[in-house]
Amino acid sequence: MPLNRWDPTSALARLEQDMSNAAHHAHSARLSTATDGDDLVITVEGVDPSHVHVQVGGGRLTIKGASGGSTSESHDAAGAHFSSSSSSSSSFSRSFSIPDGVEQSDISTEPSANGVKVRIRNAA
């Protein structure tokens, strides 16, 4: 096997690319609120809807969730095989005060384009 001179410029470029990929995949959930008639709608973006949990209790609505992802890449160069992988995960929890009388049965969730929508009937 031939010896190759270590090229710090290429090594730095690979490191920068790996860091860029990791930064691209690392994120946190974004929440926004809106009203729809008498309903309050909370949109949670940047999460998989199957990883979102909604609870009502003590006059509070709590939305919890987790997200994550991983990437891997491999290539051959100069007779050698190179591979890299990265993963990220994040979790979130947000609580809101809700009007008296709101119960778990008043809450529904539905997938949205980038996450999930939580609808609270008659809360606006």
C-alpha atoms as a PDB file:
ATOM      1  CA  MET A   1       0.000   0.000   0.000  1.00  0.00           C
ATOM      2  CA  PRO A   2       1.506   3.336  -0.998  1.00  0.00           C
ATOM      3  CA  LEU A   3       2.042   5.995   1.616  1.00  0.00           C
ATOM      4  CA  ASN A   4       0.216   9.248   1.147  1.00  0.00           C
ATOM      5  CA  ARG A   5       1.330  12.522   2.620  1.00  0.00           C
ATOM      6  CA  TRP A   6      -1.130  13.876   5.162  1.00  0.00           C
ATOM      7  CA  ASP A   7      -2.846  16.931   3.784  1.00  0.00           C
ATOM      8  CA  PRO A   8      -4.070  19.180   6.626  1.00  0.00           C
ATOM      9  CA  THR A   9      -6.103  21.283   4.199  1.00  0.00           C
ATOM     10  CA  SER A  10      -8.152  18.263   3.113  1.00  0.00           C
ATOM     11  CA  ALA A  11      -8.514  17.100   6.708  1.00  0.00           C
ATOM     12  CA  LEU A  12      -9.772  20.554   7.740  1.00  0.00           C
ATOM     13  CA  ALA A  13     -12.187  20.655   4.806  1.00  0.00           C
ATOM     14  CA  ARG A  14     -13.636  17.271   5.844  1.00  0.00           C
ATOM     15  CA  LEU A  15     -13.954  18.470   9.454  1.00  0.00           C
ATOM     16  CA  GLU A  16     -15.719  21.663   8.345  1.00  0.00           C
ATOM     17  CA  GLN A  17     -18.120  19.613   6.213  1.00  0.00           C
ATOM     18  CA  ASP A  18     -18.865  17.258   9.112  1.00  0.00           C
ATOM     19  CA  MET A  19     -19.516  20.217  11.437  1.00  0.00           C
ATOM     20  CA  SER A  20     -21.757  21.840   8.838  1.00  0.00           C
ATOM     21  CA  ASN A  21     -23.758  18.616   8.484  1.00  0.00           C
ATOM     22  CA  ALA A  22     -24.114  18.333  12.272  1.00  0.00           C
ATOM     23  CA  ALA A  23     -25.251  21.958  12.573  1.00  0.00           C
ATOM     24  CA  HIS A  24     -27.773  21.419   9.800  1.00  0.00           C
ATOM     25  CA  HIS A  25     -29.347  18.472  11.623  1.00  0.00           C
ATOM     26  CA  ALA A  26     -29.251  19.948  15.135  1.00  0.00           C
ATOM     27  CA  HIS A  27     -32.321  22.017  15.846  1.00  0.00           C
ATOM     28  CA  SER A  28     -34.919  22.781  18.410  1.00  0.00           C
ATOM     29  CA  ALA A  29     -38.661  22.795  18.170  1.00  0.00           C
ATOM     30  CA  ARG A  30     -40.363  26.055  17.235  1.00  0.00           C
ATOM     31  CA  LEU A  31     -43.824  26.848  18.590  1.00  0.00           C
ATOM     32  CA  SER A  32     -46.381  29.345  17.351  1.00  0.00           C
ATOM     33  CA  THR A  33     -49.949  30.026  18.414  1.00  0.00           C
ATOM     34  CA  ALA A  34     -53.024  31.163  16.513  1.00  0.00           C
ATOM     35  CA  THR A  35     -56.779  31.175  16.890  1.00  0.00           C
ATOM     36  CA  ASP A  36     -59.215  29.425  14.583  1.00  0.00           C
ATOM     37  CA  GLY A  37     -62.734  30.526  15.551  1.00  0.00           C
ATOM     38  CA  ASP A  38     -63.071  29.596  19.234  1.00  0.00           C
ATOM     39  CA  ASP A  39     -60.147  27.162  19.062  1.00  0.00           C
ATOM     40  CA  LEU A  40     -56.558  27.820  20.066  1.00  0.00           C
ATOM     41  CA  VAL A  41     -54.053  26.152  17.708  1.00  0.00           C
ATOM     42  CA  ILE A  42     -50.430  25.599  18.738  1.00  0.00           C
ATOM     43  CA  THR A  43     -48.105  24.596  15.907  1.00  0.00           C
ATOM     44  CA  VAL A  44     -44.916  22.752  16.819  1.00  0.00           C
ATOM     45  CA  GLU A  45     -42.416  22.669  13.943  1.00  0.00           C
ATOM     46  CA  GLY A  46     -39.244  20.659  13.579  1.00  0.00           C
ATOM     47  CA  VAL A  47     -40.412  17.441  15.249  1.00  0.00           C
ATOM     48  CA  ASP A  48     -41.771  14.068  14.241  1.00  0.00           C
ATOM     49  CA  PRO A  49     -45.483  14.055  15.212  1.00  0.00           C
ATOM     50  CA  SER A  50     -45.156  10.539  16.626  1.00  0.00           C
ATOM     51  CA  HIS A  51     -42.675  11.870  19.209  1.00  0.00           C
ATOM     52  CA  VAL A  52     -44.952  14.605  20.588  1.00  0.00           C
ATOM     53  CA  HIS A  53     -46.930  14.063  23.807  1.00  0.00           C
ATOM     54  CA  VAL A  54     -49.654  16.419  25.037  1.00  0.00           C
ATOM     55  CA  GLN A  55     -50.981  16.411  28.614  1.00  0.00           C
ATOM     56  CA  VAL A  56     -53.557  18.485  30.478  1.00  0.00           C
ATOM     57  CA  GLY A  57     -53.585  18.850  34.245  1.00  0.00           C
ATOM     58  CA  GLY A  58     -53.705  21.462  36.970  1.00  0.00           C
ATOM     59  CA  GLY A  59     -54.812  24.213  34.608  1.00  0.00           C
ATOM     60  CA  ARG A  60     -51.785  23.635  32.375  1.00  0.00           C
ATOM     61  CA  LEU A  61     -51.238  22.201  28.921  1.00  0.00           C
ATOM     62  CA  THR A  62     -47.820  20.565  28.529  1.00  0.00           C
ATOM     63  CA  ILE A  63     -46.347  19.650  25.170  1.00  0.00           C
ATOM     64  CA  LYS A  64     -43.252  17.413  25.239  1.00  0.00           C
ATOM     65  CA  GLY A  65     -41.305  15.915  22.409  1.00  0.00           C
ATOM     66  CA  ALA A  66     -38.032  14.709  21.040  1.00  0.00           C
ATOM     67  CA  SER A  67     -36.371  14.832  17.694  1.00  0.00           C
ATOM     68  CA  GLY A  68     -33.196  13.530  16.180  1.00  0.00           C
ATOM     69  CA  GLY A  69     -31.525  12.323  13.091  1.00  0.00           C
ATOM     70  CA  SER A  70     -28.361  10.818  11.762  1.00  0.00           C
ATOM     71  CA  THR A  71     -26.328  10.911   8.606  1.00  0.00           C
ATOM     72  CA  SER A  72     -23.538   8.793   7.259  1.00  0.00           C
ATOM     73  CA  GLU A  73     -21.250   9.158   4.315  1.00  0.00           C
ATOM     74  CA  SER A  74     -18.490   7.069   2.829  1.00  0.00           C
ATOM     75  CA  HIS A  75     -16.183   7.357  -0.131  1.00  0.00           C
ATOM     76  CA  ASP A  76     -13.022   5.857  -1.560  1.00  0.00           C
ATOM     77  CA  ALA A  77      -9.987   7.985  -2.393  1.00  0.00           C
ATOM     78  CA  ALA A  78      -6.427   7.100  -3.236  1.00  0.00           C
ATOM     79  CA  GLY A  79      -7.031   3.422  -2.526  1.00  0.00           C
ATOM     80  CA  ALA A  80      -8.432   4.070   0.967  1.00  0.00           C
ATOM     81  CA  HIS A  81     -11.985   3.928   2.261  1.00  0.00           C
ATOM     82  CA  PHE A  82     -13.257   6.866   4.336  1.00  0.00           C
ATOM     83  CA  SER A  83     -16.514   7.037   6.247  1.00  0.00           C
ATOM     84  CA  SER A  84     -18.099   9.473   8.643  1.00  0.00           C
ATOM     85  CA  SER A  85     -21.335   9.604  10.568  1.00  0.00           C
ATOM     86  CA  SER A  86     -23.081  12.109  12.766  1.00  0.00           C
ATOM     87  CA  SER A  87     -26.196  12.124  14.871  1.00  0.00           C
ATOM     88  CA  SER A  88     -28.122  14.673  16.830  1.00  0.00           C
ATOM     89  CA  SER A  89     -31.031  14.701  19.200  1.00  0.00           C
ATOM     90  CA  SER A  90     -32.945  17.287  21.101  1.00  0.00           C
ATOM     91  CA  SER A  91     -35.931  17.366  23.388  1.00  0.00           C
ATOM     92  CA  PHE A  92     -38.318  20.073  24.436  1.00  0.00           C
ATOM     93  CA  SER A  93     -41.068  20.745  26.930  1.00  0.00           C
ATOM     94  CA  ARG A  94     -43.412  23.741  26.922  1.00  0.00           C
ATOM     95  CA  SER A  95     -46.264  24.465  29.329  1.00  0.00           C
ATOM     96  CA  PHE A  96     -49.163  26.874  28.897  1.00  0.00           C
ATOM     97  CA  SER A  97     -51.898  28.072  31.235  1.00  0.00           C
ATOM     98  CA  ILE A  98     -55.293  27.094  29.888  1.00  0.00           C
ATOM     99  CA  PRO A  99     -58.829  28.228  30.749  1.00  0.00           C
ATOM    100  CA  ASP A 100     -60.768  26.451  33.495  1.00  0.00           C
ATOM    101  CA  GLY A 101     -62.809  23.538  32.219  1.00  0.00           C
ATOM    102  CA  VAL A 102     -60.442  22.454  29.427  1.00  0.00           C
ATOM    103  CA  GLU A 103     -59.953  18.692  29.614  1.00  0.00           C
ATOM    104  CA  GLN A 104     -57.849  16.133  27.762  1.00  0.00           C
ATOM    105  CA  SER A 105     -60.854  15.332  25.529  1.00  0.00           C
ATOM    106  CA  ASP A 106     -60.822  18.971  24.298  1.00  0.00           C
ATOM    107  CA  ILE A 107     -57.304  18.499  22.888  1.00  0.00           C
ATOM    108  CA  SER A 108     -56.548  17.011  19.482  1.00  0.00           C
ATOM    109  CA  THR A 109     -53.337  16.710  17.490  1.00  0.00           C
ATOM    110  CA  GLU A 110     -52.785  16.468  13.761  1.00  0.00           C
ATOM    111  CA  PRO A 111     -49.628  16.205  11.670  1.00  0.00           C
ATOM    112  CA  SER A 112     -48.604  19.377   9.850  1.00  0.00           C
ATOM    113  CA  ALA A 113     -46.113  20.004   7.059  1.00  0.00           C
ATOM    114  CA  ASN A 114     -43.142  20.354   9.434  1.00  0.00           C
ATOM    115  CA  GLY A 115     -44.399  18.930  12.711  1.00  0.00           C
ATOM    116  CA  VAL A 116     -47.698  18.805  14.564  1.00  0.00           C
ATOM    117  CA  LYS A 117     -50.672  21.052  15.350  1.00  0.00           C
ATOM    118  CA  VAL A 118     -52.293  20.914  18.767  1.00  0.00           C
ATOM    119  CA  ARG A 119     -55.911  22.146  18.766  1.00  0.00           C
ATOM    120  CA  ILE A 120     -57.683  23.140  21.965  1.00  0.00           C
ATOM    121  CA  ARG A 121     -61.432  23.409  21.367  1.00  0.00           C
ATOM    122  CA  ASN A 122     -63.258  26.453  22.778  1.00  0.00           C
ATOM    123  CA  ALA A 123     -60.142  27.870  24.461  1.00  0.00           C
ATOM    124  CA  ALA A 124     -59.773  31.164  22.570  1.00  0.00           C
END
